[in-house]
Amino acid sequence: VNDFNQTVQRNFSQSDQLCIDESMSPFKPRQTKSGNLPHLSFVQRKPKPLGTEFKTVACASTGIMLHLEIQRGAECESSKDAQQERAEQNQD
């Protein structure tokens, strides 16, 4: 996700109009309940409620997605790995 955001930032310029939204990438685990995905969410309001939820920013003029962020649950946010990742992102 970080590589995607950095690549877009280097190669695309945004317009004055941005669209901020949430997106869901559906996932159907085949072997285990979570499919060993650390960010698997169940969001009742979505048409396909099981998957990874993203916060996204897109250019309203071109429709190009400019920024992607994985939405995490409360348990995951409080973990040491999540805290370390946030600290690394703030250094960039």
C-alpha atoms as a PDB file:
ATOM      1  CA  VAL A   1       0.000   0.000   0.000  1.00  0.00           C
ATOM      2  CA  ASN A   2       2.838   2.403   0.828  1.00  0.00           C
ATOM      3  CA  ASP A   3       4.523   1.652  -2.513  1.00  0.00           C
ATOM      4  CA  PHE A   4       1.248   2.316  -4.340  1.00  0.00           C
ATOM      5  CA  ASN A   5       0.786   5.678  -2.567  1.00  0.00           C
ATOM      6  CA  GLN A   6       4.387   6.735  -3.263  1.00  0.00           C
ATOM      7  CA  THR A   7       4.184   5.735  -6.942  1.00  0.00           C
ATOM      8  CA  VAL A   8       0.951   7.656  -7.468  1.00  0.00           C
ATOM      9  CA  GLN A   9       2.342  10.702  -5.667  1.00  0.00           C
ATOM     10  CA  ARG A  10       5.412  10.717  -7.952  1.00  0.00           C
ATOM     11  CA  ASN A  11       3.561  10.125 -11.226  1.00  0.00           C
ATOM     12  CA  PHE A  12       0.185  11.884 -11.020  1.00  0.00           C
ATOM     13  CA  SER A  13      -0.907  15.392 -10.187  1.00  0.00           C
ATOM     14  CA  GLN A  14      -4.284  15.911  -8.597  1.00  0.00           C
ATOM     15  CA  SER A  15      -6.997  18.350  -9.584  1.00  0.00           C
ATOM     16  CA  ASP A  16      -8.684  20.760  -7.195  1.00  0.00           C
ATOM     17  CA  GLN A  17     -11.598  18.365  -6.722  1.00  0.00           C
ATOM     18  CA  LEU A  18     -11.053  15.186  -4.725  1.00  0.00           C
ATOM     19  CA  CYS A  19     -13.432  12.393  -3.779  1.00  0.00           C
ATOM     20  CA  ILE A  20     -12.916  10.768  -0.357  1.00  0.00           C
ATOM     21  CA  ASP A  21     -14.652   7.440   0.165  1.00  0.00           C
ATOM     22  CA  GLU A  22     -14.491   3.971   1.686  1.00  0.00           C
ATOM     23  CA  SER A  23     -14.020   0.893  -0.461  1.00  0.00           C
ATOM     24  CA  MET A  24     -14.303  -2.803   0.253  1.00  0.00           C
ATOM     25  CA  SER A  25     -12.230  -5.523  -1.345  1.00  0.00           C
ATOM     26  CA  PRO A  26     -14.328  -8.675  -0.861  1.00  0.00           C
ATOM     27  CA  PHE A  27     -12.669 -11.848   0.339  1.00  0.00           C
ATOM     28  CA  LYS A  28     -13.966 -15.360   0.860  1.00  0.00           C
ATOM     29  CA  PRO A  29     -11.562 -17.436   2.984  1.00  0.00           C
ATOM     30  CA  ARG A  30     -11.208 -21.036   1.869  1.00  0.00           C
ATOM     31  CA  GLN A  31      -9.195 -22.718   4.611  1.00  0.00           C
ATOM     32  CA  THR A  32      -9.440 -20.725   7.837  1.00  0.00           C
ATOM     33  CA  LYS A  33     -12.000 -18.331   9.258  1.00  0.00           C
ATOM     34  CA  SER A  34      -9.858 -15.260   8.577  1.00  0.00           C
ATOM     35  CA  GLY A  35      -7.805 -16.654   5.703  1.00  0.00           C
ATOM     36  CA  ASN A  36      -4.768 -15.472   7.685  1.00  0.00           C
ATOM     37  CA  LEU A  37      -5.421 -11.873   6.605  1.00  0.00           C
ATOM     38  CA  PRO A  38      -4.518  -9.385   9.335  1.00  0.00           C
ATOM     39  CA  HIS A  39      -7.046  -6.782   8.165  1.00  0.00           C
ATOM     40  CA  LEU A  40     -10.129  -8.877   7.490  1.00  0.00           C
ATOM     41  CA  SER A  41     -13.286  -6.957   8.397  1.00  0.00           C
ATOM     42  CA  PHE A  42     -17.006  -7.644   8.464  1.00  0.00           C
ATOM     43  CA  VAL A  43     -18.941  -4.494   7.532  1.00  0.00           C
ATOM     44  CA  GLN A  44     -22.687  -5.143   7.637  1.00  0.00           C
ATOM     45  CA  ARG A  45     -23.632  -2.145   5.457  1.00  0.00           C
ATOM     46  CA  LYS A  46     -21.578  -3.336   2.470  1.00  0.00           C
ATOM     47  CA  PRO A  47     -23.071  -5.519  -0.319  1.00  0.00           C
ATOM     48  CA  LYS A  48     -20.219  -8.025   0.208  1.00  0.00           C
ATOM     49  CA  PRO A  49     -19.501  -7.446   3.898  1.00  0.00           C
ATOM     50  CA  LEU A  50     -16.426  -9.659   4.398  1.00  0.00           C
ATOM     51  CA  GLY A  51     -13.059  -8.391   3.178  1.00  0.00           C
ATOM     52  CA  THR A  52     -10.555  -5.610   3.604  1.00  0.00           C
ATOM     53  CA  GLU A  53     -11.913  -2.089   4.012  1.00  0.00           C
ATOM     54  CA  PHE A  54      -9.990   0.853   2.581  1.00  0.00           C
ATOM     55  CA  LYS A  55     -10.199   4.610   2.922  1.00  0.00           C
ATOM     56  CA  THR A  56      -9.523   6.098  -0.494  1.00  0.00           C
ATOM     57  CA  VAL A  57      -8.923   9.463  -2.154  1.00  0.00           C
ATOM     58  CA  ALA A  58      -9.507   9.825  -5.886  1.00  0.00           C
ATOM     59  CA  CYS A  59      -9.198  12.699  -8.338  1.00  0.00           C
ATOM     60  CA  ALA A  60     -12.758  13.729  -9.219  1.00  0.00           C
ATOM     61  CA  SER A  61     -11.712  14.825 -12.728  1.00  0.00           C
ATOM     62  CA  THR A  62      -9.818  11.726 -13.852  1.00  0.00           C
ATOM     63  CA  GLY A  63     -11.129   9.043 -11.478  1.00  0.00           C
ATOM     64  CA  ILE A  64      -7.562   8.019 -10.644  1.00  0.00           C
ATOM     65  CA  MET A  65      -7.126   6.716  -7.097  1.00  0.00           C
ATOM     66  CA  LEU A  66      -4.514   8.929  -5.453  1.00  0.00           C
ATOM     67  CA  HIS A  67      -4.269   7.484  -1.947  1.00  0.00           C
ATOM     68  CA  LEU A  68      -5.181   4.192  -0.326  1.00  0.00           C
ATOM     69  CA  GLU A  69      -5.223   3.368   3.383  1.00  0.00           C
ATOM     70  CA  ILE A  70      -6.200   0.067   4.984  1.00  0.00           C
ATOM     71  CA  GLN A  71      -8.923   0.522   7.587  1.00  0.00           C
ATOM     72  CA  ARG A  72      -8.107  -1.472  10.697  1.00  0.00           C
ATOM     73  CA  GLY A  73     -10.189  -2.657  13.607  1.00  0.00           C
ATOM     74  CA  ALA A  74      -9.678  -1.455  17.194  1.00  0.00           C
ATOM     75  CA  GLU A  75      -7.810  -4.599  18.253  1.00  0.00           C
ATOM     76  CA  CYS A  76      -5.352  -4.286  15.400  1.00  0.00           C
ATOM     77  CA  GLU A  77      -4.812  -0.551  15.944  1.00  0.00           C
ATOM     78  CA  SER A  78      -3.630  -1.076  19.499  1.00  0.00           C
ATOM     79  CA  SER A  79      -1.042  -3.731  18.608  1.00  0.00           C
ATOM     80  CA  LYS A  80       2.678  -2.960  18.797  1.00  0.00           C
ATOM     81  CA  ASP A  81       3.088  -3.731  15.075  1.00  0.00           C
ATOM     82  CA  ALA A  82       0.438  -1.150  14.153  1.00  0.00           C
ATOM     83  CA  GLN A  83       2.044   1.459  16.420  1.00  0.00           C
ATOM     84  CA  GLN A  84       5.448   0.810  14.864  1.00  0.00           C
ATOM     85  CA  GLU A  85       4.017   1.048  11.339  1.00  0.00           C
ATOM     86  CA  ARG A  86       2.364   4.398  12.131  1.00  0.00           C
ATOM     87  CA  ALA A  87       5.656   5.697  13.536  1.00  0.00           C
ATOM     88  CA  GLU A  88       7.467   4.664  10.327  1.00  0.00           C
ATOM     89  CA  GLN A  89       4.817   6.349   8.154  1.00  0.00           C
ATOM     90  CA  ASN A  90       5.150   9.587  10.125  1.00  0.00           C
ATOM     91  CA  GLN A  91       8.897   9.608   9.433  1.00  0.00           C
ATOM     92  CA  ASP A  92       8.353   9.552   5.634  1.00  0.00           C
END
